Amino acid sequence: AVQPGDDAWSIAALFGVDVNELEKLNPG
């Protein structure tokens, strides 16, 4: 669940995943 202040890059870093892979599962 997205928290205040989050963006795609901070979430990707939090879980150690590639931001492009995050985008594939969550378009936009």
PDB file of all heavy atoms in Angstrom:
ATOM      1  N   ALA A   1       0.859  -1.190   0.000  1.00  0.00           N
ATOM      2  CA  ALA A   1       0.000   0.000   0.000  1.00  0.00           C
ATOM      3  C   ALA A   1       0.891   1.235   0.000  1.00  0.00           C
ATOM      4  O   ALA A   1       1.707   1.425   0.910  1.00  0.00           O
ATOM      5  CB  ALA A   1      -0.919  -0.005   1.218  1.00  0.00           C
ATOM      6  N   VAL A   2       0.758   2.059  -1.025  1.00  0.00           N
ATOM      7  CA  VAL A   2       1.598   3.248  -1.159  1.00  0.00           C
ATOM      8  C   VAL A   2       1.431   4.154   0.054  1.00  0.00           C
ATOM      9  O   VAL A   2       0.304   4.414   0.506  1.00  0.00           O
ATOM     10  CB  VAL A   2       1.249   4.009  -2.452  1.00  0.00           C
ATOM     11  CG1 VAL A   2       2.058   5.304  -2.558  1.00  0.00           C
ATOM     12  CG2 VAL A   2       1.500   3.118  -3.676  1.00  0.00           C
ATOM     13  N   GLN A   3       2.554   4.627   0.571  1.00  0.00           N
ATOM     14  CA  GLN A   3       2.564   5.525   1.720  1.00  0.00           C
ATOM     15  C   GLN A   3       2.840   6.956   1.272  1.00  0.00           C
ATOM     16  O   GLN A   3       3.420   7.185   0.201  1.00  0.00           O
ATOM     17  CB  GLN A   3       3.653   5.083   2.707  1.00  0.00           C
ATOM     18  CG  GLN A   3       3.494   3.647   3.212  1.00  0.00           C
ATOM     19  CD  GLN A   3       2.210   3.454   3.993  1.00  0.00           C
ATOM     20  OE1 GLN A   3       1.995   4.107   5.012  1.00  0.00           O
ATOM     21  NE2 GLN A   3       1.360   2.560   3.507  1.00  0.00           N
ATOM     22  N   PRO A   4       2.432   7.944   2.078  1.00  0.00           N
ATOM     23  CA  PRO A   4       2.716   9.345   1.714  1.00  0.00           C
ATOM     24  C   PRO A   4       4.208   9.562   1.493  1.00  0.00           C
ATOM     25  O   PRO A   4       5.043   9.092   2.262  1.00  0.00           O
ATOM     26  CB  PRO A   4       2.219  10.133   2.935  1.00  0.00           C
ATOM     27  CG  PRO A   4       1.156   9.265   3.532  1.00  0.00           C
ATOM     28  CD  PRO A   4       1.624   7.851   3.321  1.00  0.00           C
ATOM     29  N   GLY A   5       4.529  10.261   0.398  1.00  0.00           N
ATOM     30  CA  GLY A   5       5.924  10.533   0.071  1.00  0.00           C
ATOM     31  C   GLY A   5       6.563   9.494  -0.824  1.00  0.00           C
ATOM     32  O   GLY A   5       7.690   9.682  -1.291  1.00  0.00           O
ATOM     33  N   ASP A   6       5.886   8.369  -1.072  1.00  0.00           N
ATOM     34  CA  ASP A   6       6.433   7.326  -1.943  1.00  0.00           C
ATOM     35  C   ASP A   6       6.426   7.765  -3.402  1.00  0.00           C
ATOM     36  O   ASP A   6       5.556   8.538  -3.841  1.00  0.00           O
ATOM     37  CB  ASP A   6       5.601   6.038  -1.832  1.00  0.00           C
ATOM     38  CG  ASP A   6       5.956   5.202  -0.624  1.00  0.00           C
ATOM     39  OD1 ASP A   6       7.022   5.429  -0.027  1.00  0.00           O
ATOM     40  OD2 ASP A   6       5.154   4.310  -0.271  1.00  0.00           O
ATOM     41  N   ASP A   7       7.393   7.248  -4.157  1.00  0.00           N
ATOM     42  CA  ASP A   7       7.324   7.275  -5.616  1.00  0.00           C
ATOM     43  C   ASP A   7       7.830   5.927  -6.121  1.00  0.00           C
ATOM     44  O   ASP A   7       8.268   5.076  -5.336  1.00  0.00           O
ATOM     45  CB  ASP A   7       8.097   8.445  -6.219  1.00  0.00           C
ATOM     46  CG  ASP A   7       9.595   8.428  -5.880  1.00  0.00           C
ATOM     47  OD1 ASP A   7      10.147   7.323  -5.656  1.00  0.00           O
ATOM     48  OD2 ASP A   7      10.208   9.503  -5.847  1.00  0.00           O
ATOM     49  N   ALA A   8       7.771   5.718  -7.426  1.00  0.00           N
ATOM     50  CA  ALA A   8       8.122   4.413  -7.984  1.00  0.00           C
ATOM     51  C   ALA A   8       9.553   4.031  -7.641  1.00  0.00           C
ATOM     52  O   ALA A   8       9.848   2.867  -7.342  1.00  0.00           O
ATOM     53  CB  ALA A   8       7.917   4.415  -9.498  1.00  0.00           C
ATOM     54  N   TRP A   9      10.463   4.997  -7.652  1.00  0.00           N
ATOM     55  CA  TRP A   9      11.876   4.702  -7.433  1.00  0.00           C
ATOM     56  C   TRP A   9      12.148   4.343  -5.972  1.00  0.00           C
ATOM     57  O   TRP A   9      12.924   3.443  -5.684  1.00  0.00           O
ATOM     58  CB  TRP A   9      12.718   5.898  -7.885  1.00  0.00           C
ATOM     59  CG  TRP A   9      12.688   6.033  -9.371  1.00  0.00           C
ATOM     60  CD1 TRP A   9      13.591   5.532 -10.268  1.00  0.00           C
ATOM     61  CD2 TRP A   9      11.665   6.666 -10.144  1.00  0.00           C
ATOM     62  NE1 TRP A   9      13.202   5.807 -11.554  1.00  0.00           N
ATOM     63  CE2 TRP A   9      12.022   6.519 -11.512  1.00  0.00           C
ATOM     64  CE3 TRP A   9      10.492   7.356  -9.844  1.00  0.00           C
ATOM     65  CZ2 TRP A   9      11.247   7.024 -12.553  1.00  0.00           C
ATOM     66  CZ3 TRP A   9       9.723   7.863 -10.877  1.00  0.00           C
ATOM     67  CH2 TRP A   9      10.101   7.693 -12.224  1.00  0.00           C
ATOM     68  N   SER A  10      11.494   5.045  -5.053  1.00  0.00           N
ATOM     69  CA  SER A  10      11.710   4.728  -3.642  1.00  0.00           C
ATOM     70  C   SER A  10      11.117   3.363  -3.290  1.00  0.00           C
ATOM     71  O   SER A  10      11.678   2.616  -2.487  1.00  0.00           O
ATOM     72  CB  SER A  10      11.107   5.818  -2.746  1.00  0.00           C
ATOM     73  OG  SER A  10       9.689   5.848  -2.840  1.00  0.00           O
ATOM     74  N   ILE A  11       9.985   3.020  -3.913  1.00  0.00           N
ATOM     75  CA  ILE A  11       9.374   1.715  -3.653  1.00  0.00           C
ATOM     76  C   ILE A  11      10.246   0.604  -4.234  1.00  0.00           C
ATOM     77  O   ILE A  11      10.473  -0.435  -3.604  1.00  0.00           O
ATOM     78  CB  ILE A  11       7.944   1.663  -4.233  1.00  0.00           C
ATOM     79  CG1 ILE A  11       7.039   2.647  -3.484  1.00  0.00           C
ATOM     80  CG2 ILE A  11       7.378   0.249  -4.146  1.00  0.00           C
ATOM     81  CD1 ILE A  11       5.679   2.838  -4.127  1.00  0.00           C
ATOM     82  N   ALA A  12      10.758   0.822  -5.450  1.00  0.00           N
ATOM     83  CA  ALA A  12      11.642  -0.179  -6.054  1.00  0.00           C
ATOM     84  C   ALA A  12      12.877  -0.390  -5.187  1.00  0.00           C
ATOM     85  O   ALA A  12      13.317  -1.529  -4.968  1.00  0.00           O
ATOM     86  CB  ALA A  12      12.041   0.265  -7.462  1.00  0.00           C
ATOM     87  N   ALA A  13      13.438   0.701  -4.669  1.00  0.00           N
ATOM     88  CA  ALA A  13      14.615   0.585  -3.807  1.00  0.00           C
ATOM     89  C   ALA A  13      14.275  -0.122  -2.504  1.00  0.00           C
ATOM     90  O   ALA A  13      15.069  -0.920  -1.983  1.00  0.00           O
ATOM     91  CB  ALA A  13      15.192   1.967  -3.524  1.00  0.00           C
ATOM     92  N   LEU A  14      13.083   0.144  -1.959  1.00  0.00           N
ATOM     93  CA  LEU A  14      12.666  -0.458  -0.703  1.00  0.00           C
ATOM     94  C   LEU A  14      12.636  -1.979  -0.795  1.00  0.00           C
ATOM     95  O   LEU A  14      13.042  -2.688   0.133  1.00  0.00           O
ATOM     96  CB  LEU A  14      11.285   0.076  -0.310  1.00  0.00           C
ATOM     97  CG  LEU A  14      10.648  -0.482   0.968  1.00  0.00           C
ATOM     98  CD1 LEU A  14      11.474  -0.091   2.185  1.00  0.00           C
ATOM     99  CD2 LEU A  14       9.213   0.017   1.106  1.00  0.00           C
ATOM    100  N   PHE A  15      12.177  -2.497  -1.939  1.00  0.00           N
ATOM    101  CA  PHE A  15      12.039  -3.939  -2.105  1.00  0.00           C
ATOM    102  C   PHE A  15      13.167  -4.559  -2.928  1.00  0.00           C
ATOM    103  O   PHE A  15      13.149  -5.764  -3.196  1.00  0.00           O
ATOM    104  CB  PHE A  15      10.683  -4.275  -2.728  1.00  0.00           C
ATOM    105  CG  PHE A  15       9.518  -4.016  -1.818  1.00  0.00           C
ATOM    106  CD1 PHE A  15       8.784  -2.849  -1.922  1.00  0.00           C
ATOM    107  CD2 PHE A  15       9.188  -4.918  -0.819  1.00  0.00           C
ATOM    108  CE1 PHE A  15       7.716  -2.599  -1.063  1.00  0.00           C
ATOM    109  CE2 PHE A  15       8.132  -4.681   0.042  1.00  0.00           C
ATOM    110  CZ  PHE A  15       7.391  -3.518  -0.071  1.00  0.00           C
ATOM    111  N   GLY A  16      14.140  -3.745  -3.346  1.00  0.00           N
ATOM    112  CA  GLY A  16      15.273  -4.279  -4.083  1.00  0.00           C
ATOM    113  C   GLY A  16      14.912  -4.815  -5.452  1.00  0.00           C
ATOM    114  O   GLY A  16      15.455  -5.833  -5.883  1.00  0.00           O
ATOM    115  N   VAL A  17      13.996  -4.125  -6.139  1.00  0.00           N
ATOM    116  CA  VAL A  17      13.562  -4.571  -7.460  1.00  0.00           C
ATOM    117  C   VAL A  17      13.848  -3.475  -8.487  1.00  0.00           C
ATOM    118  O   VAL A  17      14.087  -2.315  -8.148  1.00  0.00           O
ATOM    119  CB  VAL A  17      12.056  -4.929  -7.474  1.00  0.00           C
ATOM    120  CG1 VAL A  17      11.785  -6.048  -6.480  1.00  0.00           C
ATOM    121  CG2 VAL A  17      11.180  -3.719  -7.154  1.00  0.00           C
ATOM    122  N   ASP A  18      13.827  -3.855  -9.744  1.00  0.00           N
ATOM    123  CA  ASP A  18      14.036  -2.909 -10.831  1.00  0.00           C
ATOM    124  C   ASP A  18      12.761  -2.099 -11.053  1.00  0.00           C
ATOM    125  O   ASP A  18      11.659  -2.650 -11.088  1.00  0.00           O
ATOM    126  CB  ASP A  18      14.404  -3.673 -12.107  1.00  0.00           C
ATOM    127  CG  ASP A  18      14.777  -2.739 -13.241  1.00  0.00           C
ATOM    128  OD1 ASP A  18      13.864  -2.307 -13.964  1.00  0.00           O
ATOM    129  OD2 ASP A  18      15.970  -2.450 -13.407  1.00  0.00           O
ATOM    130  N   VAL A  19      12.904  -0.789 -11.218  1.00  0.00           N
ATOM    131  CA  VAL A  19      11.725   0.067 -11.376  1.00  0.00           C
ATOM    132  C   VAL A  19      10.957  -0.276 -12.647  1.00  0.00           C
ATOM    133  O   VAL A  19       9.725  -0.142 -12.706  1.00  0.00           O
ATOM    134  CB  VAL A  19      12.136   1.554 -11.343  1.00  0.00           C
ATOM    135  CG1 VAL A  19      12.910   1.935 -12.605  1.00  0.00           C
ATOM    136  CG2 VAL A  19      10.933   2.451 -11.127  1.00  0.00           C
ATOM    137  N   ASN A  20      11.656  -0.767 -13.686  1.00  0.00           N
ATOM    138  CA  ASN A  20      10.965  -1.157 -14.922  1.00  0.00           C
ATOM    139  C   ASN A  20      10.094  -2.396 -14.699  1.00  0.00           C
ATOM    140  O   ASN A  20       9.015  -2.517 -15.300  1.00  0.00           O
ATOM    141  CB  ASN A  20      11.982  -1.422 -16.028  1.00  0.00           C
ATOM    142  CG  ASN A  20      12.732  -0.165 -16.431  1.00  0.00           C
ATOM    143  OD1 ASN A  20      12.135   0.907 -16.547  1.00  0.00           O
ATOM    144  ND2 ASN A  20      14.038  -0.288 -16.639  1.00  0.00           N
ATOM    145  N   GLU A  21      10.569  -3.329 -13.851  1.00  0.00           N
ATOM    146  CA  GLU A  21       9.754  -4.496 -13.525  1.00  0.00           C
ATOM    147  C   GLU A  21       8.529  -4.072 -12.711  1.00  0.00           C
ATOM    148  O   GLU A  21       7.435  -4.636 -12.865  1.00  0.00           O
ATOM    149  CB  GLU A  21      10.586  -5.510 -12.736  1.00  0.00           C
ATOM    150  CG  GLU A  21      11.738  -6.123 -13.523  1.00  0.00           C
ATOM    151  CD  GLU A  21      11.239  -6.888 -14.746  1.00  0.00           C
ATOM    152  OE1 GLU A  21      10.249  -7.638 -14.606  1.00  0.00           O
ATOM    153  OE2 GLU A  21      11.840  -6.727 -15.824  1.00  0.00           O
ATOM    154  N   LEU A  22       8.706  -3.093 -11.835  1.00  0.00           N
ATOM    155  CA  LEU A  22       7.574  -2.566 -11.067  1.00  0.00           C
ATOM    156  C   LEU A  22       6.543  -1.939 -12.002  1.00  0.00           C
ATOM    157  O   LEU A  22       5.330  -2.120 -11.828  1.00  0.00           O
ATOM    158  CB  LEU A  22       8.083  -1.534 -10.063  1.00  0.00           C
ATOM    159  CG  LEU A  22       7.065  -0.990  -9.057  1.00  0.00           C
ATOM    160  CD1 LEU A  22       6.611  -2.089  -8.103  1.00  0.00           C
ATOM    161  CD2 LEU A  22       7.667   0.171  -8.266  1.00  0.00           C
ATOM    162  N   GLU A  23       7.012  -1.229 -13.020  1.00  0.00           N
ATOM    163  CA  GLU A  23       6.122  -0.586 -13.988  1.00  0.00           C
ATOM    164  C   GLU A  23       5.341  -1.622 -14.795  1.00  0.00           C
ATOM    165  O   GLU A  23       4.153  -1.422 -15.110  1.00  0.00           O
ATOM    166  CB  GLU A  23       6.945   0.298 -14.924  1.00  0.00           C
ATOM    167  CG  GLU A  23       6.172   0.946 -16.060  1.00  0.00           C
ATOM    168  CD  GLU A  23       5.303   2.105 -15.610  1.00  0.00           C
ATOM    169  OE1 GLU A  23       5.674   2.794 -14.638  1.00  0.00           O
ATOM    170  OE2 GLU A  23       4.234   2.313 -16.227  1.00  0.00           O
ATOM    171  N   LYS A  24       5.989  -2.756 -15.138  1.00  0.00           N
ATOM    172  CA  LYS A  24       5.294  -3.775 -15.917  1.00  0.00           C
ATOM    173  C   LYS A  24       4.070  -4.315 -15.190  1.00  0.00           C
ATOM    174  O   LYS A  24       3.031  -4.588 -15.802  1.00  0.00           O
ATOM    175  CB  LYS A  24       6.254  -4.934 -16.224  1.00  0.00           C
ATOM    176  CG  LYS A  24       7.314  -4.613 -17.251  1.00  0.00           C
ATOM    177  CD  LYS A  24       8.212  -5.824 -17.471  1.00  0.00           C
ATOM    178  CE  LYS A  24       9.348  -5.518 -18.442  1.00  0.00           C
ATOM    179  NZ  LYS A  24      10.246  -6.696 -18.609  1.00  0.00           N
ATOM    180  N   LEU A  25       4.183  -4.512 -13.886  1.00  0.00           N
ATOM    181  CA  LEU A  25       3.067  -5.051 -13.115  1.00  0.00           C
ATOM    182  C   LEU A  25       2.087  -3.977 -12.669  1.00  0.00           C
ATOM    183  O   LEU A  25       0.953  -4.299 -12.283  1.00  0.00           O
ATOM    184  CB  LEU A  25       3.598  -5.794 -11.882  1.00  0.00           C
ATOM    185  CG  LEU A  25       4.418  -7.057 -12.153  1.00  0.00           C
ATOM    186  CD1 LEU A  25       4.881  -7.684 -10.844  1.00  0.00           C
ATOM    187  CD2 LEU A  25       3.601  -8.073 -12.948  1.00  0.00           C
ATOM    188  N   ASN A  26       2.531  -2.720 -12.725  1.00  0.00           N
ATOM    189  CA  ASN A  26       1.684  -1.610 -12.271  1.00  0.00           C
ATOM    190  C   ASN A  26       1.806  -0.465 -13.274  1.00  0.00           C
ATOM    191  O   ASN A  26       2.488   0.541 -13.012  1.00  0.00           O
ATOM    192  CB  ASN A  26       2.128  -1.129 -10.884  1.00  0.00           C
ATOM    193  CG  ASN A  26       2.171  -2.241  -9.856  1.00  0.00           C
ATOM    194  OD1 ASN A  26       1.174  -2.574  -9.240  1.00  0.00           O
ATOM    195  ND2 ASN A  26       3.362  -2.830  -9.686  1.00  0.00           N
ATOM    196  N   PRO A  27       1.177  -0.600 -14.449  1.00  0.00           N
ATOM    197  CA  PRO A  27       1.322   0.417 -15.495  1.00  0.00           C
ATOM    198  C   PRO A  27       0.988   1.816 -14.968  1.00  0.00           C
ATOM    199  O   PRO A  27      -0.019   2.011 -14.269  1.00  0.00           O
ATOM    200  CB  PRO A  27       0.316  -0.034 -16.565  1.00  0.00           C
ATOM    201  CG  PRO A  27       0.186  -1.511 -16.357  1.00  0.00           C
ATOM    202  CD  PRO A  27       0.306  -1.713 -14.874  1.00  0.00           C
ATOM    203  N   GLY A  28       1.858   2.757 -15.310  1.00  0.00           N
ATOM    204  CA  GLY A  28       1.634   4.143 -14.897  1.00  0.00           C
ATOM    205  C   GLY A  28       2.175   4.493 -13.533  1.00  0.00           C
ATOM    206  O   GLY A  28       2.046   5.635 -13.093  1.00  0.00           O
TER     207      GLY A  28
END
